PDB file of N, CA and C in Angstrom:
ATOM      1  N   MET A   1       1.407   5.819 -14.834  1.00  0.00           N
ATOM      2  CA  MET A   1       1.996   5.500 -13.874  1.00  0.00           C
ATOM      3  C   MET A   1       1.173   5.497 -12.622  1.00  0.00           C
ATOM      4  N   GLY A   2       1.535   5.032 -11.810  1.00  0.00           N
ATOM      5  CA  GLY A   2       0.571   5.065 -10.685  1.00  0.00           C
ATOM      6  C   GLY A   2       0.326   6.489  -9.342  1.00  0.00           C
ATOM      7  N   LYS A   3      -0.482   6.132  -8.538  1.00  0.00           N
ATOM      8  CA  LYS A   3      -0.471   7.475  -7.573  1.00  0.00           C
ATOM      9  C   LYS A   3      -1.083   7.176  -6.578  1.00  0.00           C
ATOM     10  N   PHE A   4      -0.140   7.554  -5.566  1.00  0.00           N
ATOM     11  CA  PHE A   4      -0.617   7.577  -3.920  1.00  0.00           C
ATOM     12  C   PHE A   4      -1.869   8.762  -3.844  1.00  0.00           C
ATOM     13  N   VAL A   5      -3.215   8.353  -3.526  1.00  0.00           N
ATOM     14  CA  VAL A   5      -4.229   9.368  -3.087  1.00  0.00           C
ATOM     15  C   VAL A   5      -4.541   9.406  -1.425  1.00  0.00           C
ATOM     16  N   ILE A   6      -4.108  10.545  -1.141  1.00  0.00           N
ATOM     17  CA  ILE A   6      -4.691  11.062   0.397  1.00  0.00           C
ATOM     18  C   ILE A   6      -5.958  10.966   0.660  1.00  0.00           C
ATOM     19  N   LYS A   7      -6.217  10.364   1.826  1.00  0.00           N
ATOM     20  CA  LYS A   7      -7.698  10.630   1.898  1.00  0.00           C
ATOM     21  C   LYS A   7      -8.053  11.360   3.301  1.00  0.00           C
ATOM     22  N   THR A   8      -8.972  12.263   3.835  1.00  0.00           N
ATOM     23  CA  THR A   8      -9.369  12.556   5.021  1.00  0.00           C
ATOM     24  C   THR A   8     -10.564  11.799   5.853  1.00  0.00           C
ATOM     25  N   ALA A   9     -10.567  10.878   6.612  1.00  0.00           N
ATOM     26  CA  ALA A   9     -11.688  10.268   7.303  1.00  0.00           C
ATOM     27  C   ALA A   9     -12.578  11.294   8.042  1.00  0.00           C
ATOM     28  N   LYS A  10     -13.605  10.460   8.267  1.00  0.00           N
ATOM     29  CA  LYS A  10     -14.488  11.900   8.882  1.00  0.00           C
ATOM     30  C   LYS A  10     -13.977  11.930  10.159  1.00  0.00           C
ATOM     31  N   ASP A  11     -13.641  10.876  10.806  1.00  0.00           N
ATOM     32  CA  ASP A  11     -12.804  11.675  12.307  1.00  0.00           C
ATOM     33  C   ASP A  11     -11.725  12.544  12.202  1.00  0.00           C
ATOM     34  N   GLY A  12     -11.481  12.478  10.738  1.00  0.00           N
ATOM     35  CA  GLY A  12     -10.336  13.656  10.426  1.00  0.00           C
ATOM     36  C   GLY A  12      -9.002  13.111  10.642  1.00  0.00           C
ATOM     37  N   GLN A  13      -8.614  11.848  10.873  1.00  0.00           N
ATOM     38  CA  GLN A  13      -7.409  10.878  10.122  1.00  0.00           C
ATOM     39  C   GLN A  13      -6.948  10.960   8.651  1.00  0.00           C
ATOM     40  N   HIS A  14      -5.892  11.083   8.600  1.00  0.00           N
ATOM     41  CA  HIS A  14      -5.552  10.730   6.953  1.00  0.00           C
ATOM     42  C   HIS A  14      -5.251   9.148   6.769  1.00  0.00           C
ATOM     43  N   TYR A  15      -5.395   8.950   5.512  1.00  0.00           N
ATOM     44  CA  TYR A  15      -4.950   7.618   4.874  1.00  0.00           C
ATOM     45  C   TYR A  15      -4.606   7.635   3.726  1.00  0.00           C
ATOM     46  N   PHE A  16      -3.812   6.848   2.880  1.00  0.00           N
ATOM     47  CA  PHE A  16      -3.745   6.776   1.930  1.00  0.00           C
ATOM     48  C   PHE A  16      -3.799   5.321   0.817  1.00  0.00           C
ATOM     49  N   ASN A  17      -4.296   5.501  -0.242  1.00  0.00           N
ATOM     50  CA  ASN A  17      -4.197   4.680  -1.251  1.00  0.00           C
ATOM     51  C   ASN A  17      -3.632   4.209  -2.439  1.00  0.00           C
ATOM     52  N   LEU A  18      -2.652   3.459  -2.722  1.00  0.00           N
ATOM     53  CA  LEU A  18      -2.054   3.393  -3.677  1.00  0.00           C
ATOM     54  C   LEU A  18      -2.886   2.603  -5.203  1.00  0.00           C
ATOM     55  N   LYS A  19      -2.652   3.667  -6.168  1.00  0.00           N
ATOM     56  CA  LYS A  19      -3.593   3.294  -6.948  1.00  0.00           C
ATOM     57  C   LYS A  19      -2.589   2.837  -8.379  1.00  0.00           C
ATOM     58  N   ALA A  20      -2.923   2.054  -9.025  1.00  0.00           N
ATOM     59  CA  ALA A  20      -2.128   2.038 -10.528  1.00  0.00           C
ATOM     60  C   ALA A  20      -2.774   2.773 -11.013  1.00  0.00           C
ATOM     61  N   GLU A  21      -1.959   2.140 -12.715  1.00  0.00           N
ATOM     62  CA  GLU A  21      -2.308   3.265 -13.711  1.00  0.00           C
ATOM     63  C   GLU A  21      -3.917   2.840 -14.070  1.00  0.00           C
ATOM     64  N   ASN A  22      -4.577   2.080 -13.970  1.00  0.00           N
ATOM     65  CA  ASN A  22      -5.929   1.476 -14.010  1.00  0.00           C
ATOM     66  C   ASN A  22      -6.817   1.961 -13.177  1.00  0.00           C
ATOM     67  N   GLY A  23      -6.063   2.753 -12.087  1.00  0.00           N
ATOM     68  CA  GLY A  23      -7.151   3.327 -11.096  1.00  0.00           C
ATOM     69  C   GLY A  23      -7.375   2.109  -9.936  1.00  0.00           C
ATOM     70  N   GLN A  24      -6.923   0.783  -9.687  1.00  0.00           N
ATOM     71  CA  GLN A  24      -7.354   0.022  -8.766  1.00  0.00           C
ATOM     72  C   GLN A  24      -6.316  -0.007  -7.755  1.00  0.00           C
ATOM     73  N   THR A  25      -7.078   0.023  -6.462  1.00  0.00           N
ATOM     74  CA  THR A  25      -6.069   0.059  -5.551  1.00  0.00           C
ATOM     75  C   THR A  25      -5.415  -0.997  -5.324  1.00  0.00           C
ATOM     76  N   ILE A  26      -4.067  -1.000  -5.413  1.00  0.00           N
ATOM     77  CA  ILE A  26      -3.205  -2.240  -4.529  1.00  0.00           C
ATOM     78  C   ILE A  26      -2.784  -1.987  -3.625  1.00  0.00           C
ATOM     79  N   LEU A  27      -2.738  -0.672  -2.802  1.00  0.00           N
ATOM     80  CA  LEU A  27      -1.877  -0.770  -1.735  1.00  0.00           C
ATOM     81  C   LEU A  27      -2.848   0.102  -0.696  1.00  0.00           C
ATOM     82  N   SER A  28      -3.543  -0.299   0.924  1.00  0.00           N
ATOM     83  CA  SER A  28      -4.107   1.022   1.422  1.00  0.00           C
ATOM     84  C   SER A  28      -2.764   0.983   2.475  1.00  0.00           C
ATOM     85  N   SER A  29      -2.993   2.126   3.570  1.00  0.00           N
ATOM     86  CA  SER A  29      -2.694   2.503   4.349  1.00  0.00           C
ATOM     87  C   SER A  29      -3.090   2.493   6.046  1.00  0.00           C
ATOM     88  N   GLU A  30      -2.397   2.319   7.368  1.00  0.00           N
ATOM     89  CA  GLU A  30      -3.054   2.653   8.033  1.00  0.00           C
ATOM     90  C   GLU A  30      -3.986   3.731   8.418  1.00  0.00           C
ATOM     91  N   MET A  31      -4.589   4.292   9.383  1.00  0.00           N
ATOM     92  CA  MET A  31      -4.625   5.772   9.556  1.00  0.00           C
ATOM     93  C   MET A  31      -3.685   6.978  10.339  1.00  0.00           C
ATOM     94  N   TYR A  32      -3.825   7.614  10.034  1.00  0.00           N
ATOM     95  CA  TYR A  32      -2.526   8.621  10.469  1.00  0.00           C
ATOM     96  C   TYR A  32      -3.266   9.914  11.146  1.00  0.00           C
ATOM     97  N   THR A  33      -2.616  10.062  12.417  1.00  0.00           N
ATOM     98  CA  THR A  33      -3.546  11.379  13.012  1.00  0.00           C
ATOM     99  C   THR A  33      -3.020  12.567  12.574  1.00  0.00           C
ATOM    100  N   THR A  34      -2.020  12.727  11.396  1.00  0.00           N
ATOM    101  CA  THR A  34      -1.663  13.943  10.687  1.00  0.00           C
ATOM    102  C   THR A  34      -1.478  13.577   9.422  1.00  0.00           C
ATOM    103  N   LYS A  35      -1.405  14.874   8.643  1.00  0.00           N
ATOM    104  CA  LYS A  35      -1.150  14.428   6.887  1.00  0.00           C
ATOM    105  C   LYS A  35       0.396  14.349   6.964  1.00  0.00           C
ATOM    106  N   SER A  36       0.956  15.067   7.671  1.00  0.00           N
ATOM    107  CA  SER A  36       2.374  15.113   7.757  1.00  0.00           C
ATOM    108  C   SER A  36       3.012  13.435   7.787  1.00  0.00           C
ATOM    109  N   ALA A  37       2.294  12.956   9.065  1.00  0.00           N
ATOM    110  CA  ALA A  37       2.421  11.694   9.384  1.00  0.00           C
ATOM    111  C   ALA A  37       2.382  10.418   8.054  1.00  0.00           C
ATOM    112  N   CYS A  38       1.099  11.005   7.521  1.00  0.00           N
ATOM    113  CA  CYS A  38       0.810  10.289   6.358  1.00  0.00           C
ATOM    114  C   CYS A  38       1.961  10.095   5.084  1.00  0.00           C
ATOM    115  N   ASN A  39       1.805  11.355   5.238  1.00  0.00           N
ATOM    116  CA  ASN A  39       3.313  11.753   3.983  1.00  0.00           C
ATOM    117  C   ASN A  39       4.528  10.933   4.209  1.00  0.00           C
ATOM    118  N   ASN A  40       4.862  11.271   5.327  1.00  0.00           N
ATOM    119  CA  ASN A  40       5.666  10.060   5.671  1.00  0.00           C
ATOM    120  C   ASN A  40       5.614   8.404   5.571  1.00  0.00           C
ATOM    121  N   GLY A  41       4.721   8.302   5.515  1.00  0.00           N
ATOM    122  CA  GLY A  41       3.915   6.851   5.587  1.00  0.00           C
ATOM    123  C   GLY A  41       4.413   6.419   3.984  1.00  0.00           C
ATOM    124  N   ILE A  42       4.290   7.402   2.858  1.00  0.00           N
ATOM    125  CA  ILE A  42       4.087   7.177   1.656  1.00  0.00           C
ATOM    126  C   ILE A  42       5.305   7.468   1.405  1.00  0.00           C
ATOM    127  N   ASP A  43       6.264   8.025   2.038  1.00  0.00           N
ATOM    128  CA  ASP A  43       7.644   8.319   1.408  1.00  0.00           C
ATOM    129  C   ASP A  43       8.316   6.807   2.012  1.00  0.00           C
ATOM    130  N   SER A  44       7.777   6.118   2.998  1.00  0.00           N
ATOM    131  CA  SER A  44       8.145   4.607   3.339  1.00  0.00           C
ATOM    132  C   SER A  44       7.837   3.401   2.585  1.00  0.00           C
ATOM    133  N   VAL A  45       6.642   3.856   2.256  1.00  0.00           N
ATOM    134  CA  VAL A  45       6.530   2.341   0.985  1.00  0.00           C
ATOM    135  C   VAL A  45       7.064   2.819  -0.513  1.00  0.00           C
ATOM    136  N   LYS A  46       7.934   4.275  -0.564  1.00  0.00           N
ATOM    137  CA  LYS A  46       8.399   4.451  -1.900  1.00  0.00           C
ATOM    138  C   LYS A  46       9.650   3.796  -1.639  1.00  0.00           C
ATOM    139  N   LYS A  47      10.323   3.707  -0.757  1.00  0.00           N
ATOM    140  CA  LYS A  47      11.563   3.359   0.183  1.00  0.00           C
ATOM    141  C   LYS A  47      11.541   1.713  -0.176  1.00  0.00           C
ATOM    142  N   ASN A  48      10.765   1.254   0.488  1.00  0.00           N
ATOM    143  CA  ASN A  48      10.422  -0.014   1.050  1.00  0.00           C
ATOM    144  C   ASN A  48       9.986  -1.093  -0.120  1.00  0.00           C
ATOM    145  N   ALA A  49       9.235  -0.484  -1.122  1.00  0.00           N
ATOM    146  CA  ALA A  49       8.301  -0.869  -2.017  1.00  0.00           C
ATOM    147  C   ALA A  49       9.318  -1.882  -3.052  1.00  0.00           C
ATOM    148  N   PRO A  50      10.803  -1.904  -3.568  1.00  0.00           N
ATOM    149  CA  PRO A  50      11.193  -2.468  -4.129  1.00  0.00           C
ATOM    150  C   PRO A  50      12.092  -3.959  -3.921  1.00  0.00           C
ATOM    151  N   ASN A  51      12.060  -3.495  -2.401  1.00  0.00           N
ATOM    152  CA  ASN A  51      12.969  -4.936  -1.666  1.00  0.00           C
ATOM    153  C   ASN A  51      11.587  -6.402  -1.285  1.00  0.00           C
ATOM    154  N   ASP A  52      12.161  -7.002  -2.243  1.00  0.00           N
ATOM    155  CA  ASP A  52      11.127  -8.159  -1.797  1.00  0.00           C
ATOM    156  C   ASP A  52      11.070  -8.914  -0.544  1.00  0.00           C
ATOM    157  N   SER A  53      12.184  -8.488   0.419  1.00  0.00           N
ATOM    158  CA  SER A  53      11.963  -9.480   1.896  1.00  0.00           C
ATOM    159  C   SER A  53      11.262  -8.540   2.399  1.00  0.00           C
ATOM    160  N   HIS A  54      10.457  -7.382   1.982  1.00  0.00           N
ATOM    161  CA  HIS A  54       9.595  -6.578   3.088  1.00  0.00           C
ATOM    162  C   HIS A  54       8.149  -7.007   2.704  1.00  0.00           C
ATOM    163  N   TYR A  55       8.223  -7.846   1.708  1.00  0.00           N
ATOM    164  CA  TYR A  55       6.202  -8.284   1.602  1.00  0.00           C
ATOM    165  C   TYR A  55       6.205  -9.185   2.452  1.00  0.00           C
ATOM    166  N   GLU A  56       5.241  -9.317   3.287  1.00  0.00           N
ATOM    167  CA  GLU A  56       4.607 -10.869   4.237  1.00  0.00           C
ATOM    168  C   GLU A  56       2.965 -10.937   2.925  1.00  0.00           C
ATOM    169  N   LYS A  57       3.615 -12.480   2.662  1.00  0.00           N
ATOM    170  CA  LYS A  57       2.838 -12.951   2.002  1.00  0.00           C
ATOM    171  C   LYS A  57       1.557 -13.841   2.701  1.00  0.00           C
ATOM    172  N   LEU A  58       0.256 -13.433   2.807  1.00  0.00           N
ATOM    173  CA  LEU A  58      -0.682 -13.872   3.920  1.00  0.00           C
ATOM    174  C   LEU A  58      -2.207 -14.782   3.153  1.00  0.00           C
ATOM    175  N   ILE A  59      -2.731 -15.371   3.715  1.00  0.00           N
ATOM    176  CA  ILE A  59      -4.033 -15.886   3.966  1.00  0.00           C
ATOM    177  C   ILE A  59      -4.969 -15.817   4.712  1.00  0.00           C
ATOM    178  N   ALA A  60      -5.780 -15.287   4.496  1.00  0.00           N
ATOM    179  CA  ALA A  60      -6.887 -14.885   5.237  1.00  0.00           C
ATOM    180  C   ALA A  60      -7.907 -15.884   5.418  1.00  0.00           C
ATOM    181  N   LYS A  61      -8.685 -15.656   6.480  1.00  0.00           N
ATOM    182  CA  LYS A  61      -9.430 -17.094   7.201  1.00  0.00           C
ATOM    183  C   LYS A  61     -10.433 -17.376   5.964  1.00  0.00           C
ATOM    184  N   ASN A  62     -10.644 -16.454   5.076  1.00  0.00           N
ATOM    185  CA  ASN A  62     -11.315 -16.881   4.333  1.00  0.00           C
ATOM    186  C   ASN A  62     -11.005 -17.476   2.746  1.00  0.00           C
ATOM    187  N   GLY A  63      -9.532 -17.606   2.919  1.00  0.00           N
ATOM    188  CA  GLY A  63      -8.928 -18.247   2.005  1.00  0.00           C
ATOM    189  C   GLY A  63      -8.087 -17.274   0.897  1.00  0.00           C
ATOM    190  N   GLN A  64      -8.881 -16.157   0.528  1.00  0.00           N
ATOM    191  CA  GLN A  64      -7.934 -15.486  -0.125  1.00  0.00           C
ATOM    192  C   GLN A  64      -6.848 -15.038   0.285  1.00  0.00           C
ATOM    193  N   HIS A  65      -6.080 -14.680  -0.373  1.00  0.00           N
ATOM    194  CA  HIS A  65      -4.623 -14.249  -0.572  1.00  0.00           C
ATOM    195  C   HIS A  65      -4.123 -12.637  -0.563  1.00  0.00           C
ATOM    196  N   TYR A  66      -3.131 -11.904   0.368  1.00  0.00           N
ATOM    197  CA  TYR A  66      -2.861 -10.805   0.379  1.00  0.00           C
ATOM    198  C   TYR A  66      -1.725 -10.545   0.686  1.00  0.00           C
ATOM    199  N   PHE A  67      -1.499  -9.371   0.638  1.00  0.00           N
ATOM    200  CA  PHE A  67       0.034  -9.160   1.235  1.00  0.00           C
ATOM    201  C   PHE A  67       0.367  -7.877   1.927  1.00  0.00           C
ATOM    202  N   ASN A  68       1.203  -7.676   3.222  1.00  0.00           N
ATOM    203  CA  ASN A  68       1.795  -6.764   4.073  1.00  0.00           C
ATOM    204  C   ASN A  68       3.150  -5.534   3.398  1.00  0.00           C
ATOM    205  N   LEU A  69       2.819  -4.919   3.126  1.00  0.00           N
ATOM    206  CA  LEU A  69       4.194  -4.239   3.229  1.00  0.00           C
ATOM    207  C   LEU A  69       4.986  -3.801   4.369  1.00  0.00           C
ATOM    208  N   LYS A  70       6.189  -4.022   4.868  1.00  0.00           N
ATOM    209  CA  LYS A  70       6.647  -3.820   5.973  1.00  0.00           C
ATOM    210  C   LYS A  70       7.824  -2.669   5.631  1.00  0.00           C
ATOM    211  N   ALA A  71       7.971  -1.907   6.676  1.00  0.00           N
ATOM    212  CA  ALA A  71       9.272  -1.187   6.825  1.00  0.00           C
ATOM    213  C   ALA A  71      10.217  -2.024   7.770  1.00  0.00           C
ATOM    214  N   VAL A  72      11.491  -1.428   7.564  1.00  0.00           N
ATOM    215  CA  VAL A  72      12.830  -2.217   8.251  1.00  0.00           C
ATOM    216  C   VAL A  72      12.466  -2.394   9.412  1.00  0.00           C
ATOM    217  N   ASN A  73      12.254  -1.800   9.981  1.00  0.00           N
ATOM    218  CA  ASN A  73      11.435  -1.997  11.802  1.00  0.00           C
ATOM    219  C   ASN A  73      10.380  -2.930  11.878  1.00  0.00           C
ATOM    220  N   GLY A  74      10.067  -3.772  10.705  1.00  0.00           N
ATOM    221  CA  GLY A  74       9.065  -4.659  11.065  1.00  0.00           C
ATOM    222  C   GLY A  74       7.141  -3.965  10.836  1.00  0.00           C
ATOM    223  N   GLN A  75       7.247  -2.602  11.221  1.00  0.00           N
ATOM    224  CA  GLN A  75       5.941  -2.186  10.723  1.00  0.00           C
ATOM    225  C   GLN A  75       5.488  -2.538   9.577  1.00  0.00           C
ATOM    226  N   VAL A  76       3.722  -2.902   9.640  1.00  0.00           N
ATOM    227  CA  VAL A  76       3.300  -2.699   8.625  1.00  0.00           C
ATOM    228  C   VAL A  76       3.195  -1.293   8.017  1.00  0.00           C
ATOM    229  N   ILE A  77       3.295  -0.945   6.618  1.00  0.00           N
ATOM    230  CA  ILE A  77       3.055   0.232   6.054  1.00  0.00           C
ATOM    231  C   ILE A  77       1.783   0.449   5.014  1.00  0.00           C
ATOM    232  N   GLY A  78       1.838  -0.732   4.690  1.00  0.00           N
ATOM    233  CA  GLY A  78       0.332  -1.178   3.634  1.00  0.00           C
ATOM    234  C   GLY A  78       0.011  -2.549   3.643  1.00  0.00           C
ATOM    235  N   THR A  79      -1.458  -2.512   3.265  1.00  0.00           N
ATOM    236  CA  THR A  79      -1.710  -3.644   2.943  1.00  0.00           C
ATOM    237  C   THR A  79      -2.781  -3.691   1.719  1.00  0.00           C
ATOM    238  N   SER A  80      -2.427  -5.047   1.067  1.00  0.00           N
ATOM    239  CA  SER A  80      -3.265  -4.772  -0.094  1.00  0.00           C
ATOM    240  C   SER A  80      -4.296  -5.602  -0.190  1.00  0.00           C
ATOM    241  N   GLU A  81      -4.867  -5.184  -1.502  1.00  0.00           N
ATOM    242  CA  GLU A  81      -6.513  -5.970  -1.513  1.00  0.00           C
ATOM    243  C   GLU A  81      -6.793  -7.397  -1.460  1.00  0.00           C
ATOM    244  N   MET A  82      -8.031  -7.946  -1.158  1.00  0.00           N
ATOM    245  CA  MET A  82      -8.081  -9.172  -1.538  1.00  0.00           C
ATOM    246  C   MET A  82      -7.790 -10.310  -2.586  1.00  0.00           C
ATOM    247  N   TYR A  83      -7.188 -10.943  -2.924  1.00  0.00           N
ATOM    248  CA  TYR A  83      -7.218 -11.757  -3.902  1.00  0.00           C
ATOM    249  C   TYR A  83      -7.346 -13.032  -4.137  1.00  0.00           C
ATOM    250  N   GLU A  84      -8.165 -13.754  -5.172  1.00  0.00           N
ATOM    251  CA  GLU A  84      -8.582 -15.308  -4.831  1.00  0.00           C
ATOM    252  C   GLU A  84      -7.594 -16.619  -5.477  1.00  0.00           C
ATOM    253  N   ALA A  85      -6.492 -15.304  -5.753  1.00  0.00           N
ATOM    254  CA  ALA A  85      -5.080 -16.938  -6.113  1.00  0.00           C
ATOM    255  C   ALA A  85      -3.846 -16.342  -5.518  1.00  0.00           C
ATOM    256  N   THR A  86      -3.010 -17.112  -5.596  1.00  0.00           N
ATOM    257  CA  THR A  86      -1.708 -16.617  -4.875  1.00  0.00           C
ATOM    258  C   THR A  86      -0.991 -15.656  -6.616  1.00  0.00           C
ATOM    259  N   SER A  87      -1.782 -16.379  -7.781  1.00  0.00           N
ATOM    260  CA  SER A  87      -0.848 -15.259  -8.809  1.00  0.00           C
ATOM    261  C   SER A  87      -1.598 -14.233  -8.619  1.00  0.00           C
ATOM    262  N   GLY A  88      -2.748 -13.676  -8.307  1.00  0.00           N
ATOM    263  CA  GLY A  88      -2.904 -12.134  -8.314  1.00  0.00           C
ATOM    264  C   GLY A  88      -2.323 -11.735  -7.024  1.00  0.00           C
ATOM    265  N   ARG A  89      -1.924 -12.546  -5.985  1.00  0.00           N
ATOM    266  CA  ARG A  89      -1.839 -11.293  -5.053  1.00  0.00           C
ATOM    267  C   ARG A  89      -0.094 -11.339  -5.301  1.00  0.00           C
ATOM    268  N   ASP A  90       0.743 -11.867  -6.360  1.00  0.00           N
ATOM    269  CA  ASP A  90       1.750 -12.001  -6.581  1.00  0.00           C
ATOM    270  C   ASP A  90       2.212 -10.798  -7.525  1.00  0.00           C
ATOM    271  N   ASN A  91       1.195 -10.304  -8.548  1.00  0.00           N
ATOM    272  CA  ASN A  91       1.009  -9.538  -9.091  1.00  0.00           C
ATOM    273  C   ASN A  91       0.725  -8.444  -8.818  1.00  0.00           C
ATOM    274  N   GLY A  92      -0.359  -8.210  -7.678  1.00  0.00           N
ATOM    275  CA  GLY A  92      -0.201  -7.518  -6.968  1.00  0.00           C
ATOM    276  C   GLY A  92       1.194  -6.752  -6.427  1.00  0.00           C
ATOM    277  N   ILE A  93       1.932  -7.819  -5.574  1.00  0.00           N
ATOM    278  CA  ILE A  93       3.113  -7.266  -4.957  1.00  0.00           C
ATOM    279  C   ILE A  93       4.213  -6.642  -6.491  1.00  0.00           C
ATOM    280  N   GLU A  94       3.922  -7.154  -7.721  1.00  0.00           N
ATOM    281  CA  GLU A  94       4.886  -6.354  -8.708  1.00  0.00           C
ATOM    282  C   GLU A  94       4.511  -5.120  -9.187  1.00  0.00           C
ATOM    283  N   SER A  95       3.143  -5.105  -9.039  1.00  0.00           N
ATOM    284  CA  SER A  95       2.749  -3.754  -9.449  1.00  0.00           C
ATOM    285  C   SER A  95       3.049  -2.830  -8.439  1.00  0.00           C
ATOM    286  N   VAL A  96       2.614  -2.963  -7.062  1.00  0.00           N
ATOM    287  CA  VAL A  96       3.592  -2.072  -6.006  1.00  0.00           C
ATOM    288  C   VAL A  96       4.811  -2.195  -6.138  1.00  0.00           C
ATOM    289  N   LYS A  97       5.814  -2.977  -6.366  1.00  0.00           N
ATOM    290  CA  LYS A  97       7.035  -2.855  -6.934  1.00  0.00           C
ATOM    291  C   LYS A  97       7.447  -2.117  -8.148  1.00  0.00           C
ATOM    292  N   LYS A  98       6.765  -1.969  -8.607  1.00  0.00           N
ATOM    293  CA  LYS A  98       6.481  -1.360 -10.478  1.00  0.00           C
ATOM    294  C   LYS A  98       6.201   0.408  -9.567  1.00  0.00           C
ATOM    295  N   ASN A  99       4.803   0.560  -9.347  1.00  0.00           N
ATOM    296  CA  ASN A  99       4.301   1.684  -9.058  1.00  0.00           C
ATOM    297  C   ASN A  99       4.761   2.645  -7.795  1.00  0.00           C
ATOM    298  N   ALA A 100       4.733   2.144  -6.805  1.00  0.00           N
ATOM    299  CA  ALA A 100       5.038   2.977  -5.390  1.00  0.00           C
ATOM    300  C   ALA A 100       6.305   4.130  -5.883  1.00  0.00           C
ATOM    301  N   PRO A 101       7.624   3.387  -6.258  1.00  0.00           N
ATOM    302  CA  PRO A 101       8.673   4.291  -6.093  1.00  0.00           C
ATOM    303  C   PRO A 101       8.531   5.693  -7.093  1.00  0.00           C
ATOM    304  N   VAL A 102       7.617   5.714  -8.052  1.00  0.00           N
ATOM    305  CA  VAL A 102       7.767   6.782  -8.958  1.00  0.00           C
ATOM    306  C   VAL A 102       6.205   7.379  -9.075  1.00  0.00           C
ATOM    307  N   ALA A 103       5.365   7.178  -7.865  1.00  0.00           N
ATOM    308  CA  ALA A 103       3.975   7.431  -7.595  1.00  0.00           C
ATOM    309  C   ALA A 103       4.074   9.047  -7.410  1.00  0.00           C
ATOM    310  N   SER A 104       2.994   9.873  -8.111  1.00  0.00           N
ATOM    311  CA  SER A 104       2.745  11.194  -7.576  1.00  0.00           C
ATOM    312  C   SER A 104       2.022  10.953  -6.398  1.00  0.00           C
ATOM    313  N   VAL A 105       1.679  12.436  -5.940  1.00  0.00           N
ATOM    314  CA  VAL A 105       1.190  12.358  -4.565  1.00  0.00           C
ATOM    315  C   VAL A 105      -0.458  13.311  -4.925  1.00  0.00           C
ATOM    316  N   VAL A 106      -1.027  12.802  -4.335  1.00  0.00           N
ATOM    317  CA  VAL A 106      -2.511  14.315  -4.910  1.00  0.00           C
ATOM    318  C   VAL A 106      -3.641  13.913  -3.579  1.00  0.00           C
ATOM    319  N   GLU A 107      -4.239  14.481  -3.278  1.00  0.00           N
ATOM    320  CA  GLU A 107      -5.297  14.671  -2.128  1.00  0.00           C
ATOM    321  C   GLU A 107      -6.644  15.031  -3.157  1.00  0.00           C
ATOM    322  N   GLU A 108      -7.269  14.105  -2.202  1.00  0.00           N
ATOM    323  CA  GLU A 108      -9.125  14.157  -2.559  1.00  0.00           C
ATOM    324  C   GLU A 108      -9.764  14.635  -1.317  1.00  0.00           C
TER     325      GLU A 108
END
């Protein structure tokens, strides 16, 4: 089972990474000013992850593939790691869909 790992940056802001069972980061959040807002972001990922239409498939300037997970209002709530191929990106989306809804939340 995957897990959300909440971390605190040097400037005191909070962010999370969604990690797959193997420990690989599959989705990262923006920075949040409060832990409460960070937890709300996690709840939004859990809610929106199963919906295919909330994934935006993109290609970076260097040709690598990645995706954003968006909330109903269109706001980006998580960004993937970079992938060499579309198949890797698509596998990453499937991993988020599988792991996010049931992932535990831990703090580091």
